[in-house]
Amino acid sequence: MILLISFLHMRFIYSLHPSYYLIIKEETTGEIFVSIEVEEGDEVAFHWIHSVEHIPWIEYFVIDEKKNFVLKEIRFKGFGAGIPHDKGEVKVEDGYIVMMDIEEKFEAYQWIHSHTATERITLNGEEIVKSTDLPHHEYIKMAIQER
């Protein structure tokens, strides 16, 4: 009886504080490449090379209370094809054009992965994925899931 009450108590506490995981998976097969616990306020950065301009590009997202990716900032080395010119506040810093205060929300981040374009993905400044960790030319999805 005491074990049952203890178990039920733990289940109740767990239900009040669920865990959330950043998942990176192949969309067609569902194969999971990354599963790491995250919380509100964590920063996810996507580092890549622009396919036409061949310049570094970094997108900074923060995980909000609804477990969305909120695009806060974009940094890149120059303008060219497909590069926005009017997102948020714009300044130049350390050789980068920086667009801040963008506040665009995404439930998931999807792309066709390329070993030549994607450099790495970081969580709070720590690398969690490098380009070669994911399959080349496959549909990839990054999302937050409750467990």
Protein backbone atom coordinates (compact mmCIF):
# COMPACT_ATOMS: atom_id res chain seq x y z
CA MET A 1 0.00 0.00 0.00
CA ILE A 2 2.79 2.43 0.90
CA LEU A 3 4.60 1.59 -2.35
CA LEU A 4 1.46 2.27 -4.37
CA ILE A 5 0.91 5.64 -2.69
CA SER A 6 4.56 6.54 -3.22
CA PHE A 7 4.35 5.55 -6.89
CA LEU A 8 1.17 7.57 -7.41
CA HIS A 9 2.73 10.55 -5.64
CA MET A 10 5.77 10.40 -7.94
CA ARG A 11 3.53 10.14 -11.03
CA PHE A 12 1.60 13.21 -9.85
CA ILE A 13 4.79 15.22 -9.31
CA TYR A 14 6.13 14.12 -12.70
CA SER A 15 2.90 15.24 -14.38
CA LEU A 16 3.33 18.71 -12.85
CA HIS A 17 6.90 19.00 -14.18
CA PRO A 18 7.18 17.20 -17.51
CA SER A 19 10.53 16.99 -19.27
CA TYR A 20 11.07 18.47 -22.71
CA TYR A 21 13.60 17.31 -25.28
CA LEU A 22 15.07 18.88 -28.37
CA ILE A 23 14.74 16.18 -31.01
CA ILE A 24 16.53 16.17 -34.36
CA LYS A 25 15.26 13.47 -36.65
CA GLU A 26 15.00 12.37 -40.26
CA GLU A 27 11.46 13.24 -41.32
CA THR A 28 10.77 10.33 -43.66
CA THR A 29 11.94 7.46 -41.45
CA GLY A 30 11.58 9.12 -38.05
CA GLU A 31 15.13 8.08 -37.12
CA ILE A 32 16.26 10.22 -34.16
CA PHE A 33 19.80 11.58 -34.24
CA VAL A 34 19.65 13.90 -31.22
CA SER A 35 17.51 13.85 -28.10
CA ILE A 36 18.62 16.26 -25.39
CA GLU A 37 16.69 17.73 -22.48
CA VAL A 38 15.91 21.44 -22.74
CA GLU A 39 13.95 24.05 -20.84
CA GLU A 40 12.40 27.44 -21.39
CA GLY A 41 15.06 30.08 -22.08
CA ASP A 42 17.64 27.72 -23.60
CA GLU A 43 19.36 29.05 -26.72
CA VAL A 44 19.66 26.99 -29.90
CA ALA A 45 21.97 28.28 -32.63
CA PHE A 46 22.01 27.00 -36.19
CA HIS A 47 25.35 27.68 -37.92
CA TRP A 48 25.49 27.29 -41.68
CA ILE A 49 27.01 28.58 -44.91
CA HIS A 50 24.73 30.36 -47.39
CA SER A 51 24.46 28.15 -50.49
CA VAL A 52 24.72 30.98 -53.04
CA GLU A 53 26.80 33.64 -51.29
CA HIS A 54 29.03 31.13 -49.40
CA ILE A 55 29.07 33.33 -46.31
CA PRO A 56 28.68 32.28 -42.65
CA TRP A 57 25.14 32.59 -41.30
CA ILE A 58 24.02 32.02 -37.69
CA GLU A 59 20.45 31.95 -36.45
CA TYR A 60 19.81 32.23 -32.71
CA PHE A 61 16.59 30.84 -31.26
CA VAL A 62 15.31 30.80 -27.68
CA ILE A 63 12.87 28.15 -26.47
CA ASP A 64 9.74 29.85 -25.13
CA GLU A 65 7.19 28.75 -22.52
CA LYS A 66 5.11 26.99 -25.21
CA LYS A 67 8.21 25.11 -26.42
CA ASN A 68 8.46 27.04 -29.68
CA PHE A 69 11.71 28.15 -31.26
CA VAL A 70 11.69 31.96 -31.19
CA LEU A 71 14.09 33.49 -33.71
CA LYS A 72 15.86 36.27 -31.83
CA GLU A 73 18.86 37.09 -34.00
CA ILE A 74 20.47 36.42 -37.36
CA ARG A 75 24.16 37.08 -38.06
CA PHE A 76 25.75 36.98 -41.51
CA LYS A 77 28.75 38.45 -43.34
CA GLY A 78 27.01 40.15 -46.29
CA PHE A 79 23.85 40.60 -48.33
CA GLY A 80 22.92 38.54 -51.37
CA ALA A 81 20.30 36.24 -52.87
CA GLY A 82 17.49 35.38 -50.47
CA ILE A 83 18.97 37.27 -47.52
CA PRO A 84 16.39 39.41 -45.72
CA HIS A 85 17.03 43.12 -45.36
CA ASP A 86 14.26 44.20 -43.01
CA LYS A 87 14.01 41.87 -40.01
CA GLY A 88 14.16 43.48 -36.59
CA GLU A 89 16.79 46.01 -35.58
CA VAL A 90 19.93 45.96 -37.78
CA LYS A 91 23.51 46.77 -36.83
CA VAL A 92 27.07 45.78 -37.79
CA GLU A 93 29.17 44.04 -35.14
CA ASP A 94 32.55 42.27 -35.45
CA GLY A 95 32.25 42.06 -39.23
CA TYR A 96 28.72 40.60 -39.12
CA ILE A 97 25.44 42.19 -40.13
CA VAL A 98 23.22 41.49 -37.10
CA MET A 99 19.43 41.49 -37.16
CA MET A 100 18.04 41.48 -33.61
CA ASP A 101 14.66 41.45 -31.89
CA ILE A 102 13.05 39.41 -34.67
CA GLU A 103 10.65 37.39 -32.44
CA GLU A 104 9.44 34.95 -35.13
CA LYS A 105 8.02 31.72 -33.65
CA PHE A 106 8.41 28.24 -35.09
CA GLU A 107 6.94 25.00 -33.76
CA ALA A 108 9.68 23.15 -35.63
CA TYR A 109 12.69 23.89 -37.82
CA GLN A 110 12.93 21.87 -41.04
CA TRP A 111 15.55 21.68 -43.76
CA ILE A 112 17.17 19.46 -46.36
CA HIS A 113 20.50 18.70 -44.75
CA SER A 114 23.75 19.32 -46.57
CA HIS A 115 27.23 18.50 -45.32
CA THR A 116 28.49 21.53 -47.27
CA ALA A 117 25.94 24.03 -45.93
CA THR A 118 25.19 23.15 -42.31
CA GLU A 119 28.19 23.55 -40.03
CA ARG A 120 26.80 22.78 -36.57
CA ILE A 121 23.95 23.22 -34.12
CA THR A 122 24.62 24.42 -30.58
CA LEU A 123 22.60 24.43 -27.37
CA ASN A 124 23.57 27.18 -24.92
CA GLY A 125 26.91 27.53 -26.73
CA GLU A 126 27.77 23.81 -26.66
CA GLU A 127 27.92 21.89 -29.93
CA ILE A 128 25.28 19.16 -30.05
CA VAL A 129 25.47 18.34 -33.77
CA LYS A 130 28.14 18.76 -36.40
CA SER A 131 27.40 18.56 -40.10
CA THR A 132 28.54 14.98 -40.59
CA ASP A 133 26.38 13.70 -37.69
CA LEU A 134 23.31 13.98 -39.95
CA PRO A 135 22.69 12.25 -43.30
CA HIS A 136 23.51 14.23 -46.45
CA HIS A 137 20.56 15.43 -48.59
CA GLU A 138 17.85 14.14 -46.25
CA TYR A 139 14.80 15.89 -44.80
CA ILE A 140 15.60 16.84 -41.20
CA LYS A 141 13.29 18.22 -38.52
CA MET A 142 14.20 19.82 -35.21
CA ALA A 143 11.40 20.13 -32.65
CA ILE A 144 10.69 20.11 -28.91
CA GLN A 145 8.83 17.08 -27.53
CA GLU A 146 7.42 16.36 -24.10
CA ARG A 147 8.35 13.11 -22.39
